[in-house]
Amino acid sequence: MENNCAHSIRRRLFAVFSVLSLLFAPIAAVGHSYKLGDITVGHVWASPSKSGEGIAVYGPIMNQAAAAVQLTGASTPVADEVRIRMTNEEGEHWIDMVNLEPGKPLALAPWRQHLYLTGINRELEEGDTFELTLDFAQVGTLTVEVEIEPEGGH
């Protein structure tokens, strides 16, 4: 019984460290991250898009504060609107905020919460960048640079 318990704990720890390394690998690879108080945002990216289309924005966020923080929205000069979209087994729907629990990394990703930009006002090609301002309700805003990259690269 003790062997099974120890093995289970080791597996869980390995899984946690694996997730953390995957979330923050883009930070090390690209060499940039953004910080607002106890919030760190890693490499932020989106796929290419034509003018008038919508695109999703992805990237890791870590809240190192003692209390939860909420991402309540975002804005950018390249889109008419930025909303938070949830994708799961039930489909896609809009949500008002993303809750960032203390000490738990969260990846804005295709299969979960992410930002979705509509009314793109210019073509966004691989290699382009644009500014995106994230709104963390209690903490303030943080402007990050979104890199346009091929989706298959992530």
Protein backbone atom coordinates (compact mmCIF):
# COMPACT_ATOMS: atom_id res chain seq x y z
CA MET A 1 0.00 0.00 0.00
CA GLU A 2 2.78 2.47 0.92
CA ASN A 3 4.59 1.70 -2.34
CA ASN A 4 1.46 2.46 -4.35
CA CYS A 5 0.93 5.69 -2.42
CA ALA A 6 4.54 6.83 -2.92
CA HIS A 7 4.35 5.91 -6.61
CA SER A 8 1.11 7.88 -6.98
CA ILE A 9 2.64 10.95 -5.32
CA ARG A 10 5.72 10.75 -7.58
CA ARG A 11 3.48 10.49 -10.65
CA ARG A 12 1.45 13.51 -9.55
CA LEU A 13 4.57 15.56 -8.89
CA PHE A 14 5.98 14.55 -12.27
CA ALA A 15 2.72 15.61 -13.93
CA VAL A 16 2.72 18.98 -12.15
CA PHE A 17 6.34 19.72 -13.10
CA SER A 18 5.69 18.58 -16.68
CA VAL A 19 2.78 20.99 -17.02
CA LEU A 20 4.79 23.84 -15.52
CA SER A 21 7.70 23.21 -17.86
CA LEU A 22 5.37 23.10 -20.88
CA LEU A 23 3.62 26.31 -19.83
CA PHE A 24 6.79 28.26 -19.28
CA ALA A 25 8.99 26.71 -22.00
CA PRO A 26 7.88 29.40 -24.47
CA ILE A 27 9.11 32.07 -22.01
CA ALA A 28 12.59 30.61 -22.00
CA ALA A 29 12.59 29.87 -25.72
CA VAL A 30 11.53 33.33 -26.79
CA GLY A 31 13.28 35.14 -23.98
CA HIS A 32 10.52 37.53 -22.97
CA SER A 33 7.76 37.74 -20.45
CA TYR A 34 5.63 40.48 -18.94
CA LYS A 35 5.02 41.29 -15.30
CA LEU A 36 2.36 43.25 -13.43
CA GLY A 37 2.85 42.94 -9.68
CA ASP A 38 2.56 39.24 -8.89
CA ILE A 39 1.20 38.32 -12.35
CA THR A 40 3.54 36.99 -15.04
CA VAL A 41 2.45 36.52 -18.64
CA GLY A 42 4.64 34.43 -20.93
CA HIS A 43 4.92 34.19 -24.69
CA VAL A 44 1.61 35.34 -26.25
CA TRP A 45 0.76 34.24 -29.79
CA ALA A 46 -1.98 33.93 -32.41
CA SER A 47 -2.28 32.34 -35.84
CA PRO A 48 -2.31 34.33 -39.10
CA SER A 49 -5.62 35.99 -40.05
CA LYS A 50 -7.13 37.99 -42.88
CA SER A 51 -8.72 41.38 -42.34
CA GLY A 52 -12.30 41.06 -41.08
CA GLU A 53 -11.79 37.61 -39.59
CA GLY A 54 -11.51 36.62 -35.95
CA ILE A 55 -8.49 35.08 -34.23
CA ALA A 56 -7.78 33.41 -30.91
CA VAL A 57 -4.89 34.50 -28.68
CA TYR A 58 -3.03 32.06 -26.45
CA GLY A 59 -0.31 32.13 -23.80
CA PRO A 60 0.61 31.21 -20.20
CA ILE A 61 -0.32 33.30 -17.15
CA MET A 62 0.90 32.79 -13.60
CA ASN A 63 -0.58 34.46 -10.53
CA GLN A 64 1.97 34.43 -7.72
CA ALA A 65 -0.13 36.59 -5.37
CA ALA A 66 -1.67 35.30 -2.16
CA ALA A 67 -5.22 35.77 -3.51
CA ALA A 68 -7.03 34.99 -6.75
CA VAL A 69 -6.95 37.57 -9.55
CA GLN A 70 -9.34 37.84 -12.50
CA LEU A 71 -8.56 38.53 -16.14
CA THR A 72 -11.70 40.46 -17.09
CA GLY A 73 -10.95 41.52 -20.64
CA ALA A 74 -8.52 42.97 -23.13
CA SER A 75 -8.22 45.51 -25.92
CA THR A 76 -6.09 46.02 -29.02
CA PRO A 77 -5.89 48.51 -31.86
CA VAL A 78 -6.05 45.67 -34.45
CA ALA A 79 -9.58 44.46 -33.56
CA ASP A 80 -13.03 45.88 -32.95
CA GLU A 81 -13.62 43.65 -29.94
CA VAL A 82 -11.78 41.25 -27.62
CA ARG A 83 -13.81 38.70 -25.66
CA ILE A 84 -13.00 35.72 -23.48
CA ARG A 85 -14.09 32.43 -25.00
CA MET A 86 -14.35 29.04 -23.31
CA THR A 87 -13.97 25.91 -25.38
CA ASN A 88 -14.73 22.52 -23.83
CA GLU A 89 -16.56 19.26 -24.54
CA GLU A 90 -19.86 21.19 -24.51
CA GLY A 91 -18.71 23.53 -27.30
CA GLU A 92 -17.79 27.20 -27.30
CA HIS A 93 -19.32 30.00 -25.26
CA TRP A 94 -18.41 33.45 -23.98
CA ILE A 95 -17.41 34.05 -20.37
CA ASP A 96 -16.96 37.26 -18.37
CA MET A 97 -13.59 36.50 -16.80
CA VAL A 98 -10.83 33.99 -16.17
CA ASN A 99 -10.09 33.30 -12.51
CA LEU A 100 -6.36 32.98 -11.81
CA GLU A 101 -5.87 30.99 -8.62
CA PRO A 102 -2.79 31.84 -6.54
CA GLY A 103 0.26 29.75 -7.37
CA LYS A 104 -1.46 27.85 -10.20
CA PRO A 105 -0.33 28.44 -13.79
CA LEU A 106 -3.02 28.78 -16.42
CA ALA A 107 -2.55 28.49 -20.16
CA LEU A 108 -4.90 30.40 -22.45
CA ALA A 109 -5.27 27.54 -24.94
CA PRO A 110 -7.53 26.28 -27.75
CA TRP A 111 -9.17 23.62 -25.52
CA ARG A 112 -10.00 25.97 -22.61
CA GLN A 113 -10.25 29.71 -21.91
CA HIS A 114 -8.61 32.05 -24.42
CA LEU A 115 -9.03 35.51 -25.87
CA TYR A 116 -10.90 35.90 -29.15
CA LEU A 117 -10.53 39.00 -31.32
CA THR A 118 -13.25 39.95 -33.81
CA GLY A 119 -13.26 42.56 -36.54
CA ILE A 120 -9.54 42.32 -37.33
CA ASN A 121 -8.75 45.54 -39.21
CA ARG A 122 -5.64 44.37 -41.07
CA GLU A 123 -4.11 41.18 -42.36
CA LEU A 124 -1.94 39.49 -39.74
CA GLU A 125 0.79 37.37 -41.31
CA GLU A 126 3.41 35.09 -39.81
CA GLY A 127 6.11 37.25 -38.21
CA ASP A 128 3.80 40.22 -37.50
CA THR A 129 3.22 41.47 -33.97
CA PHE A 130 0.59 43.64 -32.31
CA GLU A 131 -0.07 45.07 -28.87
CA LEU A 132 -2.76 43.63 -26.61
CA THR A 133 -3.69 45.21 -23.28
CA LEU A 134 -4.88 42.72 -20.67
CA ASP A 135 -7.23 43.93 -17.91
CA PHE A 136 -6.69 42.30 -14.52
CA ALA A 137 -9.57 43.91 -12.61
CA GLN A 138 -8.06 44.33 -9.14
CA VAL A 139 -4.46 44.82 -10.26
CA GLY A 140 -4.54 46.97 -13.40
CA THR A 141 -3.66 46.58 -17.06
CA LEU A 142 -0.66 45.02 -18.75
CA THR A 143 0.29 45.52 -22.40
CA VAL A 144 1.90 42.52 -24.11
CA GLU A 145 3.12 41.87 -27.63
CA VAL A 146 1.29 39.14 -29.54
CA GLU A 147 3.37 37.29 -32.12
CA ILE A 148 1.74 35.83 -35.22
CA GLU A 149 2.99 32.27 -35.60
CA PRO A 150 1.84 29.14 -37.42
CA GLU A 151 -0.58 27.16 -35.26
CA GLY A 152 1.25 23.90 -35.90
CA GLY A 153 4.32 25.27 -34.12
CA HIS A 154 2.69 24.99 -30.69
